[in-house]
Amino acid sequence: PNGEALRKCILSGPYKPTTVLVQVVEATDDSPAVPEHTTVETPTNMSPENKAHFLAEKKAIHLILTGIGDDIYSTVDACQTV
């Protein structure tokens, strides 16, 4: 991933896909009509900027986990959440 997307992922958290409006597709000889509807964003229909942010998450997690010492990781990992 590019550096800006990686920085954004670390500072803002992972990308959360939104819903997108899919426009009407008229029927053709080979396919039926598709009505207007909403669907969840996927990497195939994301903007390039959103896709870079989405794909940067794994790299960001790796950098954070390898950047902290084992003692800090173990302490945080042992914490129980309510």
C-alpha atoms as a PDB file:
ATOM      1  CA  PRO A   1       0.000   0.000   0.000  1.00  0.00           C
ATOM      2  CA  ASN A   2       1.048   3.573  -0.489  1.00  0.00           C
ATOM      3  CA  GLY A   3       2.421   5.560   2.436  1.00  0.00           C
ATOM      4  CA  GLU A   4      -0.485   7.989   2.692  1.00  0.00           C
ATOM      5  CA  ALA A   5      -3.056   5.179   2.893  1.00  0.00           C
ATOM      6  CA  LEU A   6      -0.943   3.403   5.495  1.00  0.00           C
ATOM      7  CA  ARG A   7      -0.667   6.574   7.585  1.00  0.00           C
ATOM      8  CA  LYS A   8      -4.420   7.157   7.304  1.00  0.00           C
ATOM      9  CA  CYS A   9      -5.142   3.588   8.382  1.00  0.00           C
ATOM     10  CA  ILE A  10      -2.903   3.895  11.449  1.00  0.00           C
ATOM     11  CA  LEU A  11      -4.241   7.304  12.498  1.00  0.00           C
ATOM     12  CA  SER A  12      -7.917   6.894  11.542  1.00  0.00           C
ATOM     13  CA  GLY A  13      -8.428   3.183  11.934  1.00  0.00           C
ATOM     14  CA  PRO A  14      -9.374   0.638   9.303  1.00  0.00           C
ATOM     15  CA  TYR A  15     -11.562   1.578   6.373  1.00  0.00           C
ATOM     16  CA  LYS A  16     -15.221   0.839   6.986  1.00  0.00           C
ATOM     17  CA  PRO A  17     -17.035   0.010   3.753  1.00  0.00           C
ATOM     18  CA  THR A  18     -20.206   1.998   3.159  1.00  0.00           C
ATOM     19  CA  THR A  19     -23.192   1.411   0.943  1.00  0.00           C
ATOM     20  CA  VAL A  20     -23.209   2.577  -2.642  1.00  0.00           C
ATOM     21  CA  LEU A  21     -26.115   3.269  -4.965  1.00  0.00           C
ATOM     22  CA  VAL A  22     -26.129   1.045  -8.035  1.00  0.00           C
ATOM     23  CA  GLN A  23     -27.850   2.719 -10.967  1.00  0.00           C
ATOM     24  CA  VAL A  24     -30.523   1.085 -13.105  1.00  0.00           C
ATOM     25  CA  VAL A  25     -29.214  -1.171 -15.864  1.00  0.00           C
ATOM     26  CA  GLU A  26     -31.587  -1.593 -18.775  1.00  0.00           C
ATOM     27  CA  ALA A  27     -32.360  -5.060 -20.096  1.00  0.00           C
ATOM     28  CA  THR A  28     -30.480  -6.295 -23.139  1.00  0.00           C
ATOM     29  CA  ASP A  29     -30.859  -9.372 -25.321  1.00  0.00           C
ATOM     30  CA  ASP A  30     -28.349 -11.198 -23.107  1.00  0.00           C
ATOM     31  CA  SER A  31     -29.294  -9.989 -19.612  1.00  0.00           C
ATOM     32  CA  PRO A  32     -32.325  -8.882 -17.621  1.00  0.00           C
ATOM     33  CA  ALA A  33     -32.826  -5.363 -16.272  1.00  0.00           C
ATOM     34  CA  VAL A  34     -31.297  -4.518 -12.901  1.00  0.00           C
ATOM     35  CA  PRO A  35     -33.303  -2.087 -10.763  1.00  0.00           C
ATOM     36  CA  GLU A  36     -31.681   0.715  -8.787  1.00  0.00           C
ATOM     37  CA  HIS A  37     -30.491  -0.638  -5.424  1.00  0.00           C
ATOM     38  CA  THR A  38     -27.894  -0.170  -2.706  1.00  0.00           C
ATOM     39  CA  THR A  39     -25.103  -2.591  -1.941  1.00  0.00           C
ATOM     40  CA  VAL A  40     -22.098  -2.728   0.364  1.00  0.00           C
ATOM     41  CA  GLU A  41     -18.836  -1.450  -1.095  1.00  0.00           C
ATOM     42  CA  THR A  42     -16.367  -4.084  -2.226  1.00  0.00           C
ATOM     43  CA  PRO A  43     -12.791  -3.639  -3.452  1.00  0.00           C
ATOM     44  CA  THR A  44     -14.107  -3.887  -7.018  1.00  0.00           C
ATOM     45  CA  ASN A  45     -16.391  -0.855  -6.687  1.00  0.00           C
ATOM     46  CA  MET A  46     -14.368   1.311  -4.257  1.00  0.00           C
ATOM     47  CA  SER A  47     -12.670   4.509  -5.285  1.00  0.00           C
ATOM     48  CA  PRO A  48      -8.875   4.132  -5.650  1.00  0.00           C
ATOM     49  CA  GLU A  49      -8.322   6.169  -2.455  1.00  0.00           C
ATOM     50  CA  ASN A  50     -10.752   4.059  -0.402  1.00  0.00           C
ATOM     51  CA  LYS A  51      -9.329   0.841  -1.831  1.00  0.00           C
ATOM     52  CA  ALA A  52      -5.787   1.865  -0.832  1.00  0.00           C
ATOM     53  CA  HIS A  53      -7.003   2.650   2.710  1.00  0.00           C
ATOM     54  CA  PHE A  54      -8.855  -0.698   2.847  1.00  0.00           C
ATOM     55  CA  LEU A  55      -5.819  -2.671   1.648  1.00  0.00           C
ATOM     56  CA  ALA A  56      -3.432  -0.871   4.044  1.00  0.00           C
ATOM     57  CA  GLU A  57      -5.029  -2.432   7.132  1.00  0.00           C
ATOM     58  CA  LYS A  58      -2.958  -5.656   7.155  1.00  0.00           C
ATOM     59  CA  LYS A  59       0.288  -3.737   6.705  1.00  0.00           C
ATOM     60  CA  ALA A  60      -0.685  -1.269   9.451  1.00  0.00           C
ATOM     61  CA  ILE A  61      -1.449  -4.084  11.900  1.00  0.00           C
ATOM     62  CA  HIS A  62       1.860  -5.747  11.069  1.00  0.00           C
ATOM     63  CA  LEU A  63       3.810  -2.518  11.592  1.00  0.00           C
ATOM     64  CA  ILE A  64       2.114  -1.805  14.907  1.00  0.00           C
ATOM     65  CA  LEU A  65       2.604  -5.327  16.252  1.00  0.00           C
ATOM     66  CA  THR A  66       6.241  -5.549  15.187  1.00  0.00           C
ATOM     67  CA  GLY A  67       6.957  -2.023  16.427  1.00  0.00           C
ATOM     68  CA  ILE A  68       5.988  -2.656  20.029  1.00  0.00           C
ATOM     69  CA  GLY A  69       8.075  -4.819  22.302  1.00  0.00           C
ATOM     70  CA  ASP A  70       7.040  -8.316  23.333  1.00  0.00           C
ATOM     71  CA  ASP A  71       6.447  -7.201  26.918  1.00  0.00           C
ATOM     72  CA  ILE A  72       3.995  -4.481  25.838  1.00  0.00           C
ATOM     73  CA  TYR A  73       2.235  -6.843  23.435  1.00  0.00           C
ATOM     74  CA  SER A  74       1.887  -9.517  26.145  1.00  0.00           C
ATOM     75  CA  THR A  75       0.516  -6.986  28.640  1.00  0.00           C
ATOM     76  CA  VAL A  76      -2.077  -5.649  26.210  1.00  0.00           C
ATOM     77  CA  ASP A  77      -2.979  -9.145  24.989  1.00  0.00           C
ATOM     78  CA  ALA A  78      -3.604 -10.266  28.583  1.00  0.00           C
ATOM     79  CA  CYS A  79      -6.110  -7.445  29.230  1.00  0.00           C
ATOM     80  CA  GLN A  80      -9.714  -8.500  29.476  1.00  0.00           C
ATOM     81  CA  THR A  81     -12.383  -6.405  27.839  1.00  0.00           C
ATOM     82  CA  VAL A  82     -15.770  -5.826  29.349  1.00  0.00           C
END
